[in-house]
């Protein structure tokens, strides 16, 4: 793998350690208790976790963050059916392909090559990444769709035509994280079924591979 390589088809794992997760989790718990039980995470806590995360993955030779678009800490109840939530409809999204940062462009747009999300488990129990092992370009080709087709239509058509296609479930332990391009893969998250609340840090932005390190595909 080399600098400038197309990251859009890569799903990679990295490990930040329990010390990282525990430190930010404790700060989060203290803040939420002080605020009287609200689940609104203060921006300073989210920014501090995001800044340390991107510094660590560069130090470890995983990825270099070129630009952070947004970061967020999500708290999701145990046994939830998916973790992506549409606040407009008030329902879980389920398996999906993101389109927020495409801004009307095709998933084949040059800027999408370096786009990605880092998802880090800050909780005390496992969580999961659910992902289909086909890129948007592969799906479009298999469906005979033009490159301009919307990712929503592609996802619906693919799952409708292949309802039994396997969905990979990647276990993410506390202190572990993953990288993927959410605008190029059908994906979702899943919580544990018996442990405490799911706490996750998400960082959206543009990243570059660091030469000499292999990513899991």
N, C-alpha and C. Protein backbone atom coordinates (compact mmCIF):
# COMPACT_ATOMS: atom_id res chain seq x y z
N UNK A 1 0.84 -1.19 0.00
CA UNK A 1 0.00 0.00 0.00
C UNK A 1 0.88 1.24 0.00
N UNK A 2 0.48 2.29 -0.69
CA UNK A 2 1.31 3.47 -0.80
C UNK A 2 0.49 4.74 -0.66
N UNK A 3 1.19 5.84 -0.36
CA UNK A 3 0.51 7.13 -0.26
C UNK A 3 -0.24 7.41 -1.55
N UNK A 4 -1.45 7.93 -1.42
CA UNK A 4 -2.24 8.27 -2.57
C UNK A 4 -3.09 7.13 -3.10
N UNK A 5 -2.97 5.94 -2.50
CA UNK A 5 -3.77 4.81 -2.97
C UNK A 5 -5.25 5.07 -2.71
N UNK A 6 -6.08 4.56 -3.61
CA UNK A 6 -7.52 4.68 -3.46
C UNK A 6 -7.97 3.90 -2.23
N UNK A 7 -8.54 4.60 -1.23
CA UNK A 7 -8.96 3.97 0.01
C UNK A 7 -10.41 3.51 -0.03
N UNK A 8 -11.12 3.80 -1.13
CA UNK A 8 -12.58 3.66 -1.11
C UNK A 8 -13.07 2.23 -0.96
N UNK A 9 -12.24 1.23 -1.29
CA UNK A 9 -12.69 -0.15 -1.19
C UNK A 9 -12.14 -0.84 0.05
N UNK A 10 -11.39 -0.14 0.88
CA UNK A 10 -10.70 -0.75 2.01
C UNK A 10 -11.56 -0.71 3.27
N UNK A 11 -11.58 -1.83 3.97
CA UNK A 11 -12.09 -1.87 5.34
C UNK A 11 -10.91 -2.29 6.20
N UNK A 12 -10.48 -1.43 7.11
CA UNK A 12 -9.30 -1.71 7.92
C UNK A 12 -9.60 -1.61 9.40
N UNK A 13 -8.85 -2.36 10.20
CA UNK A 13 -8.99 -2.34 11.65
C UNK A 13 -7.74 -1.72 12.27
N UNK A 14 -7.92 -1.09 13.43
CA UNK A 14 -6.78 -0.59 14.19
C UNK A 14 -7.11 -0.69 15.67
N UNK A 15 -6.09 -0.55 16.50
CA UNK A 15 -6.27 -0.74 17.94
C UNK A 15 -5.68 0.45 18.69
N UNK A 16 -6.51 1.14 19.44
CA UNK A 16 -6.06 2.29 20.23
C UNK A 16 -5.87 1.94 21.70
N UNK A 17 -6.44 0.83 22.13
CA UNK A 17 -6.23 0.35 23.49
C UNK A 17 -7.30 0.78 24.47
N UNK A 18 -7.41 -0.01 25.55
CA UNK A 18 -8.40 0.27 26.59
C UNK A 18 -8.11 1.57 27.31
N UNK A 19 -6.83 1.94 27.39
CA UNK A 19 -6.50 3.20 28.08
C UNK A 19 -7.15 4.38 27.35
N UNK A 20 -7.08 4.37 26.01
CA UNK A 20 -7.72 5.43 25.22
C UNK A 20 -9.23 5.42 25.45
N UNK A 21 -9.85 4.25 25.28
CA UNK A 21 -11.30 4.16 25.43
C UNK A 21 -11.73 4.52 26.84
N UNK A 22 -11.03 3.99 27.85
CA UNK A 22 -11.43 4.23 29.23
C UNK A 22 -11.32 5.68 29.63
N UNK A 23 -10.26 6.35 29.19
CA UNK A 23 -10.05 7.76 29.55
C UNK A 23 -11.18 8.64 29.01
N UNK A 24 -11.52 8.47 27.75
CA UNK A 24 -12.57 9.30 27.16
C UNK A 24 -13.96 8.88 27.64
N UNK A 25 -14.13 7.60 27.94
CA UNK A 25 -15.41 7.14 28.48
C UNK A 25 -15.65 7.73 29.87
N UNK A 26 -14.63 7.73 30.70
CA UNK A 26 -14.79 8.29 32.05
C UNK A 26 -15.11 9.78 32.00
N UNK A 27 -14.44 10.50 31.11
CA UNK A 27 -14.71 11.93 30.96
C UNK A 27 -16.14 12.16 30.48
N UNK A 28 -16.59 11.31 29.57
CA UNK A 28 -17.96 11.41 29.06
C UNK A 28 -18.97 11.16 30.17
N UNK A 29 -18.75 10.11 30.95
CA UNK A 29 -19.68 9.77 32.05
C UNK A 29 -19.76 10.90 33.06
N UNK A 30 -18.61 11.45 33.44
CA UNK A 30 -18.60 12.56 34.40
C UNK A 30 -19.38 13.74 33.87
N UNK A 31 -19.20 14.05 32.60
CA UNK A 31 -19.88 15.20 32.01
C UNK A 31 -21.39 14.99 31.95
N UNK A 32 -21.82 13.80 31.54
CA UNK A 32 -23.25 13.54 31.42
C UNK A 32 -23.92 13.52 32.79
N UNK A 33 -23.24 13.00 33.80
CA UNK A 33 -23.80 13.02 35.16
C UNK A 33 -23.93 14.44 35.67
N UNK A 34 -22.92 15.25 35.39
CA UNK A 34 -22.96 16.64 35.84
C UNK A 34 -24.08 17.42 35.15
N UNK A 35 -24.44 16.98 33.94
CA UNK A 35 -25.49 17.66 33.18
C UNK A 35 -26.88 17.12 33.51
N UNK A 36 -26.97 16.20 34.46
CA UNK A 36 -28.27 15.72 34.90
C UNK A 36 -28.85 14.60 34.06
N UNK A 37 -27.99 13.79 33.43
CA UNK A 37 -28.49 12.62 32.72
C UNK A 37 -28.78 12.82 31.25
N UNK A 38 -28.56 14.02 30.71
CA UNK A 38 -28.78 14.23 29.28
C UNK A 38 -27.82 13.37 28.47
N UNK A 39 -28.20 13.02 27.25
CA UNK A 39 -27.33 12.24 26.38
C UNK A 39 -26.65 13.13 25.34
N UNK A 40 -26.74 14.45 25.50
CA UNK A 40 -26.09 15.38 24.58
C UNK A 40 -24.62 15.49 24.94
N UNK A 41 -23.75 14.97 24.10
CA UNK A 41 -22.32 14.93 24.40
C UNK A 41 -21.69 16.30 24.14
N UNK A 42 -21.00 16.87 25.13
CA UNK A 42 -20.35 18.17 24.92
C UNK A 42 -19.32 18.12 23.80
N UNK A 43 -19.26 19.19 23.01
CA UNK A 43 -18.36 19.23 21.87
C UNK A 43 -16.90 19.10 22.26
N UNK A 44 -16.52 19.65 23.41
CA UNK A 44 -15.10 19.60 23.81
C UNK A 44 -14.65 18.16 24.03
N UNK A 45 -15.54 17.31 24.54
CA UNK A 45 -15.18 15.91 24.78
C UNK A 45 -15.01 15.18 23.45
N UNK A 46 -15.94 15.42 22.54
CA UNK A 46 -15.87 14.79 21.22
C UNK A 46 -14.63 15.23 20.47
N UNK A 47 -14.33 16.51 20.49
CA UNK A 47 -13.16 17.02 19.78
C UNK A 47 -11.87 16.46 20.36
N UNK A 48 -11.78 16.39 21.69
CA UNK A 48 -10.57 15.87 22.33
C UNK A 48 -10.33 14.42 21.93
N UNK A 49 -11.41 13.61 21.92
CA UNK A 49 -11.27 12.20 21.54
C UNK A 49 -10.87 12.08 20.07
N UNK A 50 -11.47 12.90 19.21
CA UNK A 50 -11.17 12.84 17.78
C UNK A 50 -9.73 13.25 17.50
N UNK A 51 -9.27 14.31 18.16
CA UNK A 51 -7.91 14.79 17.93
C UNK A 51 -6.88 13.76 18.37
N UNK A 52 -7.12 13.11 19.52
CA UNK A 52 -6.18 12.09 19.97
C UNK A 52 -6.21 10.88 19.05
N UNK A 53 -7.41 10.51 18.60
CA UNK A 53 -7.56 9.35 17.71
C UNK A 53 -6.76 9.53 16.42
N UNK A 54 -6.93 10.66 15.74
CA UNK A 54 -6.24 10.85 14.46
C UNK A 54 -4.73 10.96 14.66
N UNK A 55 -4.31 11.50 15.81
CA UNK A 55 -2.87 11.57 16.10
C UNK A 55 -2.30 10.17 16.31
N UNK A 56 -3.04 9.32 17.00
CA UNK A 56 -2.56 7.96 17.29
C UNK A 56 -2.48 7.10 16.04
N UNK A 57 -3.50 7.19 15.16
CA UNK A 57 -3.45 6.33 13.98
C UNK A 57 -2.35 6.77 13.01
N UNK A 58 -2.01 8.06 13.03
CA UNK A 58 -0.87 8.49 12.21
C UNK A 58 0.43 8.02 12.84
N UNK A 59 0.52 8.13 14.17
CA UNK A 59 1.71 7.67 14.88
C UNK A 59 1.94 6.18 14.68
N UNK A 60 0.85 5.41 14.61
CA UNK A 60 0.94 3.96 14.42
C UNK A 60 1.19 3.58 12.96
N UNK A 61 1.17 4.56 12.05
CA UNK A 61 1.39 4.27 10.65
C UNK A 61 0.20 3.67 9.95
N UNK A 62 -1.01 3.98 10.43
CA UNK A 62 -2.24 3.43 9.84
C UNK A 62 -2.74 4.34 8.72
N UNK A 63 -3.17 5.54 9.09
CA UNK A 63 -3.68 6.52 8.13
C UNK A 63 -3.29 7.91 8.58
N UNK A 64 -3.24 8.82 7.64
CA UNK A 64 -3.04 10.23 7.95
C UNK A 64 -4.33 10.98 7.66
N UNK A 65 -4.81 11.75 8.61
CA UNK A 65 -6.04 12.53 8.41
C UNK A 65 -5.69 13.82 7.69
N UNK A 66 -6.26 14.00 6.50
CA UNK A 66 -6.02 15.20 5.71
C UNK A 66 -6.95 16.34 6.12
N UNK A 67 -8.19 15.96 6.45
CA UNK A 67 -9.18 16.98 6.83
C UNK A 67 -10.33 16.31 7.55
N UNK A 68 -10.70 16.80 8.73
CA UNK A 68 -11.86 16.29 9.47
C UNK A 68 -13.08 17.10 9.08
N UNK A 69 -14.10 16.41 8.58
CA UNK A 69 -15.37 17.07 8.27
C UNK A 69 -16.24 17.22 9.53
N UNK A 70 -16.33 16.13 10.28
CA UNK A 70 -17.20 16.14 11.46
C UNK A 70 -16.84 14.97 12.36
N UNK A 71 -17.09 15.12 13.66
CA UNK A 71 -16.92 14.02 14.58
C UNK A 71 -18.13 13.98 15.51
N UNK A 72 -18.41 12.82 16.05
CA UNK A 72 -19.57 12.67 16.94
C UNK A 72 -19.35 11.46 17.84
N UNK A 73 -19.92 11.53 19.04
CA UNK A 73 -19.99 10.37 19.93
C UNK A 73 -21.45 9.97 20.03
N UNK A 74 -21.73 8.71 19.70
CA UNK A 74 -23.10 8.19 19.73
C UNK A 74 -23.27 7.23 20.90
N UNK A 75 -24.39 7.36 21.58
CA UNK A 75 -24.77 6.43 22.63
C UNK A 75 -26.03 5.72 22.16
N UNK A 76 -25.96 4.38 22.06
CA UNK A 76 -27.08 3.59 21.53
C UNK A 76 -27.40 2.47 22.51
N UNK A 77 -28.67 2.27 22.78
CA UNK A 77 -29.10 1.24 23.74
C UNK A 77 -28.74 -0.16 23.26
N UNK A 78 -28.48 -1.04 24.21
CA UNK A 78 -28.23 -2.45 23.92
C UNK A 78 -29.40 -3.06 23.15
N UNK A 79 -29.09 -4.03 22.29
CA UNK A 79 -30.09 -4.77 21.51
C UNK A 79 -30.79 -3.90 20.46
N UNK A 80 -30.18 -2.78 20.08
CA UNK A 80 -30.80 -1.93 19.06
C UNK A 80 -30.71 -2.59 17.69
N UNK A 81 -31.72 -2.38 16.86
CA UNK A 81 -31.72 -2.91 15.50
C UNK A 81 -31.00 -1.92 14.60
N UNK A 82 -29.70 -2.03 14.57
CA UNK A 82 -28.89 -1.09 13.81
C UNK A 82 -28.53 0.12 14.66
N UNK A 83 -27.54 0.88 14.20
CA UNK A 83 -27.11 2.06 14.95
C UNK A 83 -27.29 3.36 14.16
N UNK A 84 -27.46 3.28 12.84
CA UNK A 84 -27.71 4.49 12.04
C UNK A 84 -29.16 4.90 12.22
N UNK A 85 -29.37 6.18 12.54
CA UNK A 85 -30.71 6.66 12.89
C UNK A 85 -31.07 7.87 12.05
N UNK A 86 -32.28 7.87 11.50
CA UNK A 86 -32.78 9.01 10.73
C UNK A 86 -33.68 9.84 11.64
N UNK A 87 -33.18 10.99 12.06
CA UNK A 87 -33.95 11.81 12.99
C UNK A 87 -35.17 12.44 12.31
N UNK A 88 -35.15 12.51 10.99
CA UNK A 88 -36.31 13.05 10.28
C UNK A 88 -37.50 12.12 10.35
N UNK A 89 -37.24 10.82 10.10
CA UNK A 89 -38.33 9.84 10.12
C UNK A 89 -38.52 9.21 11.49
N UNK A 90 -37.52 9.37 12.37
CA UNK A 90 -37.62 8.78 13.70
C UNK A 90 -37.46 7.27 13.69
N UNK A 91 -36.66 6.75 12.77
CA UNK A 91 -36.50 5.31 12.65
C UNK A 91 -35.05 4.96 12.33
N UNK A 92 -34.68 3.73 12.66
CA UNK A 92 -33.35 3.25 12.29
C UNK A 92 -33.29 3.06 10.77
N UNK A 93 -32.14 3.35 10.21
CA UNK A 93 -31.96 3.31 8.76
C UNK A 93 -31.78 1.89 8.26
N UNK A 94 -31.07 1.06 9.01
CA UNK A 94 -30.72 -0.28 8.54
C UNK A 94 -29.53 -0.21 7.60
N UNK A 95 -29.29 -1.28 6.86
CA UNK A 95 -28.18 -1.29 5.91
C UNK A 95 -28.34 -0.15 4.91
N UNK A 96 -27.25 0.58 4.64
CA UNK A 96 -27.36 1.78 3.80
C UNK A 96 -25.99 2.14 3.24
N UNK A 97 -25.98 3.06 2.29
CA UNK A 97 -24.77 3.72 1.81
C UNK A 97 -24.95 5.21 2.07
N UNK A 98 -23.99 5.84 2.72
CA UNK A 98 -24.09 7.26 3.02
C UNK A 98 -24.05 8.09 1.73
N UNK A 99 -24.67 9.26 1.78
CA UNK A 99 -24.60 10.17 0.63
C UNK A 99 -24.39 11.63 1.04
N UNK A 100 -24.24 11.87 2.34
CA UNK A 100 -24.22 13.25 2.85
C UNK A 100 -23.11 14.09 2.24
N UNK A 101 -21.92 13.51 2.09
CA UNK A 101 -20.78 14.30 1.63
C UNK A 101 -20.56 14.19 0.13
N UNK A 102 -21.36 13.41 -0.56
CA UNK A 102 -21.26 13.36 -2.02
C UNK A 102 -21.74 14.67 -2.65
N UNK A 103 -22.67 15.33 -1.95
CA UNK A 103 -23.17 16.65 -2.39
C UNK A 103 -23.66 16.61 -3.84
N UNK A 104 -24.39 15.56 -4.18
CA UNK A 104 -24.97 15.45 -5.51
C UNK A 104 -24.05 14.81 -6.54
N UNK A 105 -22.78 14.57 -6.18
CA UNK A 105 -21.86 13.94 -7.11
C UNK A 105 -22.03 12.42 -7.13
N UNK A 106 -21.53 11.79 -8.16
CA UNK A 106 -21.53 10.33 -8.24
C UNK A 106 -20.56 9.76 -7.22
N UNK A 107 -20.82 8.52 -6.78
CA UNK A 107 -19.88 7.86 -5.88
C UNK A 107 -18.52 7.67 -6.56
N UNK A 108 -18.49 7.79 -7.90
CA UNK A 108 -17.23 7.66 -8.63
C UNK A 108 -16.40 8.96 -8.62
N UNK A 109 -16.92 10.01 -8.02
CA UNK A 109 -16.23 11.30 -8.01
C UNK A 109 -14.86 11.16 -7.34
N UNK A 110 -13.90 11.90 -7.86
CA UNK A 110 -12.51 11.81 -7.38
C UNK A 110 -12.40 12.04 -5.88
N UNK A 111 -13.18 12.98 -5.34
CA UNK A 111 -13.08 13.29 -3.91
C UNK A 111 -13.52 12.13 -3.04
N UNK A 112 -14.28 11.21 -3.58
CA UNK A 112 -14.75 10.08 -2.78
C UNK A 112 -13.66 9.03 -2.56
N UNK A 113 -12.57 9.12 -3.33
CA UNK A 113 -11.50 8.14 -3.21
C UNK A 113 -10.82 8.19 -1.85
N UNK A 114 -10.76 9.37 -1.25
CA UNK A 114 -10.05 9.52 0.03
C UNK A 114 -11.00 9.71 1.21
N UNK A 115 -12.31 9.65 0.95
CA UNK A 115 -13.26 9.89 2.03
C UNK A 115 -13.38 8.65 2.91
N UNK A 116 -13.63 8.86 4.18
CA UNK A 116 -13.80 7.71 5.06
C UNK A 116 -14.35 8.09 6.41
N UNK A 117 -14.65 7.07 7.20
CA UNK A 117 -15.07 7.25 8.57
C UNK A 117 -14.22 6.35 9.46
N UNK A 118 -13.81 6.89 10.59
CA UNK A 118 -13.20 6.09 11.64
C UNK A 118 -14.27 5.84 12.69
N UNK A 119 -14.46 4.58 13.05
CA UNK A 119 -15.42 4.23 14.10
C UNK A 119 -14.70 3.54 15.23
N UNK A 120 -14.72 4.12 16.43
CA UNK A 120 -13.96 3.58 17.57
C UNK A 120 -14.92 3.20 18.69
N UNK A 121 -14.74 2.02 19.25
CA UNK A 121 -15.56 1.54 20.35
C UNK A 121 -15.04 2.12 21.66
N UNK A 122 -15.79 3.05 22.25
CA UNK A 122 -15.42 3.64 23.54
C UNK A 122 -16.16 2.97 24.69
N UNK A 123 -16.99 1.98 24.40
CA UNK A 123 -17.78 1.33 25.43
C UNK A 123 -16.99 0.28 26.20
N UNK A 124 -17.71 -0.50 27.00
CA UNK A 124 -17.08 -1.56 27.81
C UNK A 124 -17.46 -2.95 27.31
N UNK A 125 -18.18 -3.02 26.21
CA UNK A 125 -18.55 -4.30 25.61
C UNK A 125 -18.34 -4.22 24.11
N UNK A 126 -18.39 -5.38 23.46
CA UNK A 126 -18.17 -5.40 22.01
C UNK A 126 -19.29 -4.71 21.25
N UNK A 127 -18.99 -4.26 20.05
CA UNK A 127 -19.98 -3.80 19.10
C UNK A 127 -19.58 -4.37 17.75
N UNK A 128 -20.37 -4.09 16.69
CA UNK A 128 -20.12 -4.74 15.41
C UNK A 128 -20.28 -3.76 14.25
N UNK A 129 -19.47 -4.00 13.22
CA UNK A 129 -19.64 -3.36 11.92
C UNK A 129 -20.26 -4.40 11.00
N UNK A 130 -21.38 -4.06 10.37
CA UNK A 130 -22.01 -4.92 9.39
C UNK A 130 -21.69 -4.35 8.02
N UNK A 131 -21.19 -5.20 7.11
CA UNK A 131 -20.77 -4.68 5.81
C UNK A 131 -20.91 -5.74 4.73
N UNK A 132 -21.29 -5.30 3.54
CA UNK A 132 -21.38 -6.16 2.37
C UNK A 132 -20.08 -6.02 1.59
N UNK A 133 -19.50 -7.15 1.17
CA UNK A 133 -18.18 -7.11 0.54
C UNK A 133 -18.24 -6.80 -0.96
N UNK A 134 -19.00 -5.77 -1.30
CA UNK A 134 -19.07 -5.28 -2.67
C UNK A 134 -19.03 -3.75 -2.62
N UNK A 135 -18.15 -3.16 -3.44
CA UNK A 135 -18.11 -1.70 -3.50
C UNK A 135 -19.28 -1.19 -4.32
N UNK A 136 -19.53 0.11 -4.24
CA UNK A 136 -20.61 0.72 -5.02
C UNK A 136 -20.38 0.50 -6.51
N UNK A 137 -19.12 0.60 -6.95
CA UNK A 137 -18.82 0.40 -8.37
C UNK A 137 -19.12 -1.04 -8.79
N UNK A 138 -18.77 -2.02 -7.95
CA UNK A 138 -19.06 -3.41 -8.25
C UNK A 138 -20.57 -3.65 -8.31
N UNK A 139 -21.28 -3.07 -7.37
CA UNK A 139 -22.74 -3.25 -7.34
C UNK A 139 -23.37 -2.64 -8.58
N UNK A 140 -22.93 -1.44 -8.94
CA UNK A 140 -23.47 -0.78 -10.13
C UNK A 140 -23.22 -1.65 -11.37
N UNK A 141 -22.04 -2.23 -11.46
CA UNK A 141 -21.72 -3.08 -12.59
C UNK A 141 -22.58 -4.34 -12.64
N UNK A 142 -22.77 -4.97 -11.49
CA UNK A 142 -23.56 -6.19 -11.43
C UNK A 142 -25.03 -5.93 -11.74
N UNK A 143 -25.49 -4.73 -11.40
CA UNK A 143 -26.89 -4.39 -11.65
C UNK A 143 -27.08 -3.77 -13.03
N UNK A 144 -25.98 -3.48 -13.72
CA UNK A 144 -26.08 -2.82 -15.02
C UNK A 144 -26.52 -1.38 -14.91
N UNK A 145 -26.17 -0.74 -13.78
CA UNK A 145 -26.57 0.64 -13.54
C UNK A 145 -25.47 1.60 -14.00
N UNK A 146 -25.82 2.78 -14.48
CA UNK A 146 -24.81 3.79 -14.83
C UNK A 146 -24.15 4.33 -13.57
N UNK A 147 -22.98 4.93 -13.72
CA UNK A 147 -22.26 5.47 -12.58
C UNK A 147 -22.99 6.61 -11.90
N UNK A 148 -23.97 7.20 -12.56
CA UNK A 148 -24.69 8.34 -12.00
C UNK A 148 -25.85 7.91 -11.11
N UNK A 149 -26.14 6.61 -11.03
CA UNK A 149 -27.27 6.16 -10.24
C UNK A 149 -27.05 6.51 -8.77
N UNK A 150 -28.11 6.81 -8.03
CA UNK A 150 -27.98 7.17 -6.63
C UNK A 150 -27.61 5.95 -5.80
N UNK A 151 -26.88 6.20 -4.71
CA UNK A 151 -26.48 5.09 -3.85
C UNK A 151 -27.69 4.46 -3.17
N UNK A 152 -28.73 5.26 -2.89
CA UNK A 152 -29.93 4.70 -2.27
C UNK A 152 -30.60 3.69 -3.20
N UNK A 153 -30.69 4.03 -4.47
CA UNK A 153 -31.32 3.12 -5.43
C UNK A 153 -30.48 1.86 -5.59
N UNK A 154 -29.16 2.01 -5.65
CA UNK A 154 -28.30 0.85 -5.78
C UNK A 154 -28.46 -0.10 -4.61
N UNK A 155 -28.46 0.45 -3.41
CA UNK A 155 -28.61 -0.39 -2.22
C UNK A 155 -29.93 -1.14 -2.25
N UNK A 156 -31.02 -0.43 -2.54
CA UNK A 156 -32.34 -1.06 -2.57
C UNK A 156 -32.42 -2.14 -3.64
N UNK A 157 -31.89 -1.87 -4.84
CA UNK A 157 -31.95 -2.84 -5.92
C UNK A 157 -31.09 -4.07 -5.61
N UNK A 158 -29.90 -3.84 -5.06
CA UNK A 158 -29.01 -4.96 -4.77
C UNK A 158 -29.61 -5.88 -3.72
N UNK A 159 -30.09 -5.31 -2.60
CA UNK A 159 -30.66 -6.13 -1.54
C UNK A 159 -31.98 -6.77 -1.98
N UNK A 160 -32.70 -6.08 -2.88
CA UNK A 160 -33.93 -6.66 -3.41
C UNK A 160 -33.67 -7.83 -4.33
N UNK A 161 -32.61 -7.74 -5.14
CA UNK A 161 -32.28 -8.80 -6.09
C UNK A 161 -31.55 -9.96 -5.41
N UNK A 162 -30.76 -9.63 -4.38
CA UNK A 162 -29.98 -10.68 -3.69
C UNK A 162 -30.28 -10.65 -2.19
N UNK A 163 -31.50 -11.01 -1.80
CA UNK A 163 -31.88 -10.88 -0.39
C UNK A 163 -31.10 -11.80 0.55
N UNK A 164 -30.49 -12.85 0.03
CA UNK A 164 -29.73 -13.79 0.86
C UNK A 164 -28.23 -13.55 0.78
N UNK A 165 -27.82 -12.45 0.14
CA UNK A 165 -26.39 -12.17 0.04
C UNK A 165 -25.82 -11.99 1.45
N UNK A 166 -24.69 -12.63 1.76
CA UNK A 166 -24.16 -12.57 3.14
C UNK A 166 -23.69 -11.18 3.54
N UNK A 167 -23.99 -10.82 4.77
CA UNK A 167 -23.52 -9.57 5.36
C UNK A 167 -22.47 -9.94 6.40
N UNK A 168 -21.26 -9.40 6.24
CA UNK A 168 -20.18 -9.70 7.17
C UNK A 168 -20.41 -8.95 8.48
N UNK A 169 -20.13 -9.62 9.59
CA UNK A 169 -20.25 -9.00 10.91
C UNK A 169 -18.86 -8.97 11.54
N UNK A 170 -18.30 -7.75 11.66
CA UNK A 170 -16.95 -7.58 12.19
C UNK A 170 -17.04 -7.14 13.64
N UNK A 171 -16.46 -7.93 14.54
CA UNK A 171 -16.52 -7.63 15.97
C UNK A 171 -15.49 -6.56 16.32
N UNK A 172 -15.95 -5.52 17.01
CA UNK A 172 -15.09 -4.41 17.43
C UNK A 172 -15.05 -4.39 18.95
N UNK A 173 -13.91 -4.73 19.51
CA UNK A 173 -13.76 -4.76 20.96
C UNK A 173 -13.52 -3.35 21.50
N UNK A 174 -13.72 -3.13 22.82
CA UNK A 174 -13.42 -1.82 23.40
C UNK A 174 -11.98 -1.40 23.11
N UNK A 175 -11.81 -0.18 22.65
CA UNK A 175 -10.49 0.31 22.30
C UNK A 175 -10.08 0.02 20.87
N UNK A 176 -10.85 -0.79 20.16
CA UNK A 176 -10.58 -1.06 18.75
C UNK A 176 -11.40 -0.12 17.88
N UNK A 177 -10.95 0.03 16.63
CA UNK A 177 -11.67 0.86 15.68
C UNK A 177 -11.55 0.31 14.27
N UNK A 178 -12.31 0.88 13.37
CA UNK A 178 -12.26 0.47 11.97
C UNK A 178 -12.27 1.72 11.09
N UNK A 179 -11.84 1.51 9.85
CA UNK A 179 -11.90 2.55 8.83
C UNK A 179 -12.61 1.99 7.62
N UNK A 180 -13.53 2.76 7.04
CA UNK A 180 -14.13 2.38 5.75
C UNK A 180 -14.69 3.64 5.10
N UNK A 181 -15.04 3.51 3.83
CA UNK A 181 -15.69 4.61 3.13
C UNK A 181 -17.19 4.34 3.15
N UNK A 182 -17.97 5.05 3.97
CA UNK A 182 -19.39 4.77 4.10
C UNK A 182 -20.20 5.19 2.88
N UNK A 183 -19.54 5.92 1.94
CA UNK A 183 -20.20 6.33 0.70
C UNK A 183 -19.93 5.33 -0.43
N UNK A 184 -19.26 4.24 -0.10
CA UNK A 184 -18.91 3.28 -1.13
C UNK A 184 -19.26 1.84 -0.74
N UNK A 185 -19.82 1.66 0.47
CA UNK A 185 -20.12 0.32 0.96
C UNK A 185 -21.50 0.27 1.61
N UNK A 186 -22.22 -0.82 1.40
CA UNK A 186 -23.45 -1.07 2.15
C UNK A 186 -23.02 -1.49 3.56
N UNK A 187 -23.52 -0.80 4.57
CA UNK A 187 -23.03 -1.05 5.92
C UNK A 187 -24.05 -0.62 6.96
N UNK A 188 -23.79 -0.97 8.19
CA UNK A 188 -24.52 -0.49 9.35
C UNK A 188 -23.71 -0.90 10.57
N UNK A 189 -24.16 -0.49 11.74
CA UNK A 189 -23.53 -0.92 12.98
C UNK A 189 -24.51 -1.78 13.76
N UNK A 190 -23.99 -2.49 14.75
CA UNK A 190 -24.84 -3.30 15.63
C UNK A 190 -24.26 -3.27 17.03
N UNK A 191 -25.12 -3.24 18.03
CA UNK A 191 -24.70 -3.22 19.42
C UNK A 191 -24.55 -4.64 19.96
N UNK A 192 -24.03 -4.74 21.17
CA UNK A 192 -24.03 -6.01 21.87
C UNK A 192 -25.46 -6.33 22.33
N UNK A 193 -25.71 -7.58 22.69
CA UNK A 193 -27.07 -7.99 23.05
C UNK A 193 -27.32 -8.08 24.55
N UNK A 194 -26.27 -7.96 25.34
CA UNK A 194 -26.50 -8.16 26.77
C UNK A 194 -25.68 -7.23 27.66
N UNK A 195 -24.78 -6.47 27.09
CA UNK A 195 -23.92 -5.61 27.89
C UNK A 195 -24.49 -4.22 28.10
N UNK A 196 -23.62 -3.29 28.48
CA UNK A 196 -24.06 -1.91 28.73
C UNK A 196 -24.25 -1.15 27.43
N UNK A 197 -24.63 0.12 27.58
CA UNK A 197 -24.91 0.97 26.43
C UNK A 197 -23.72 1.03 25.48
N UNK A 198 -24.00 1.12 24.18
CA UNK A 198 -22.97 1.20 23.15
C UNK A 198 -22.50 2.65 23.05
N UNK A 199 -21.19 2.86 23.15
CA UNK A 199 -20.61 4.20 23.07
C UNK A 199 -19.55 4.19 21.97
N UNK A 200 -19.75 5.01 20.95
CA UNK A 200 -18.85 4.99 19.80
C UNK A 200 -18.46 6.40 19.38
N UNK A 201 -17.20 6.53 18.98
CA UNK A 201 -16.68 7.77 18.41
C UNK A 201 -16.61 7.60 16.89
N UNK A 202 -17.15 8.56 16.15
CA UNK A 202 -17.09 8.53 14.69
C UNK A 202 -16.42 9.80 14.19
N UNK A 203 -15.48 9.63 13.26
CA UNK A 203 -14.77 10.76 12.66
C UNK A 203 -14.90 10.65 11.15
N UNK A 204 -15.53 11.62 10.53
CA UNK A 204 -15.72 11.65 9.08
C UNK A 204 -14.74 12.65 8.47
N UNK A 205 -14.13 12.27 7.37
CA UNK A 205 -13.20 13.19 6.74
C UNK A 205 -12.44 12.55 5.60
N UNK A 206 -11.29 13.14 5.28
CA UNK A 206 -10.46 12.68 4.17
C UNK A 206 -9.13 12.19 4.72
N UNK A 207 -8.71 11.02 4.23
CA UNK A 207 -7.54 10.34 4.79
C UNK A 207 -6.61 9.88 3.67
N UNK A 208 -5.34 9.69 4.04
CA UNK A 208 -4.35 9.15 3.11
C UNK A 208 -3.68 7.96 3.75
N UNK A 209 -3.41 6.93 2.93
CA UNK A 209 -2.67 5.77 3.42
C UNK A 209 -1.24 6.17 3.69
N UNK A 210 -0.63 5.53 4.69
CA UNK A 210 0.78 5.76 4.99
C UNK A 210 1.58 4.60 4.40
N UNK A 211 2.56 4.93 3.60
CA UNK A 211 3.31 3.92 2.87
C UNK A 211 3.93 2.91 3.83
N UNK A 212 3.92 1.64 3.37
CA UNK A 212 4.59 0.59 4.13
C UNK A 212 3.71 -0.17 5.08
N UNK A 213 2.41 0.22 5.20
CA UNK A 213 1.51 -0.50 6.09
C UNK A 213 0.43 -1.16 5.26
N UNK A 214 0.11 -2.42 5.56
CA UNK A 214 -0.96 -3.15 4.87
C UNK A 214 -2.25 -2.99 5.63
N UNK A 215 -3.34 -2.82 4.89
CA UNK A 215 -4.67 -2.74 5.48
C UNK A 215 -5.42 -4.04 5.21
N UNK A 216 -6.36 -4.38 6.09
CA UNK A 216 -7.20 -5.53 5.86
C UNK A 216 -8.26 -5.16 4.84
N UNK A 217 -8.54 -6.07 3.90
CA UNK A 217 -9.50 -5.79 2.86
C UNK A 217 -10.68 -6.72 2.99
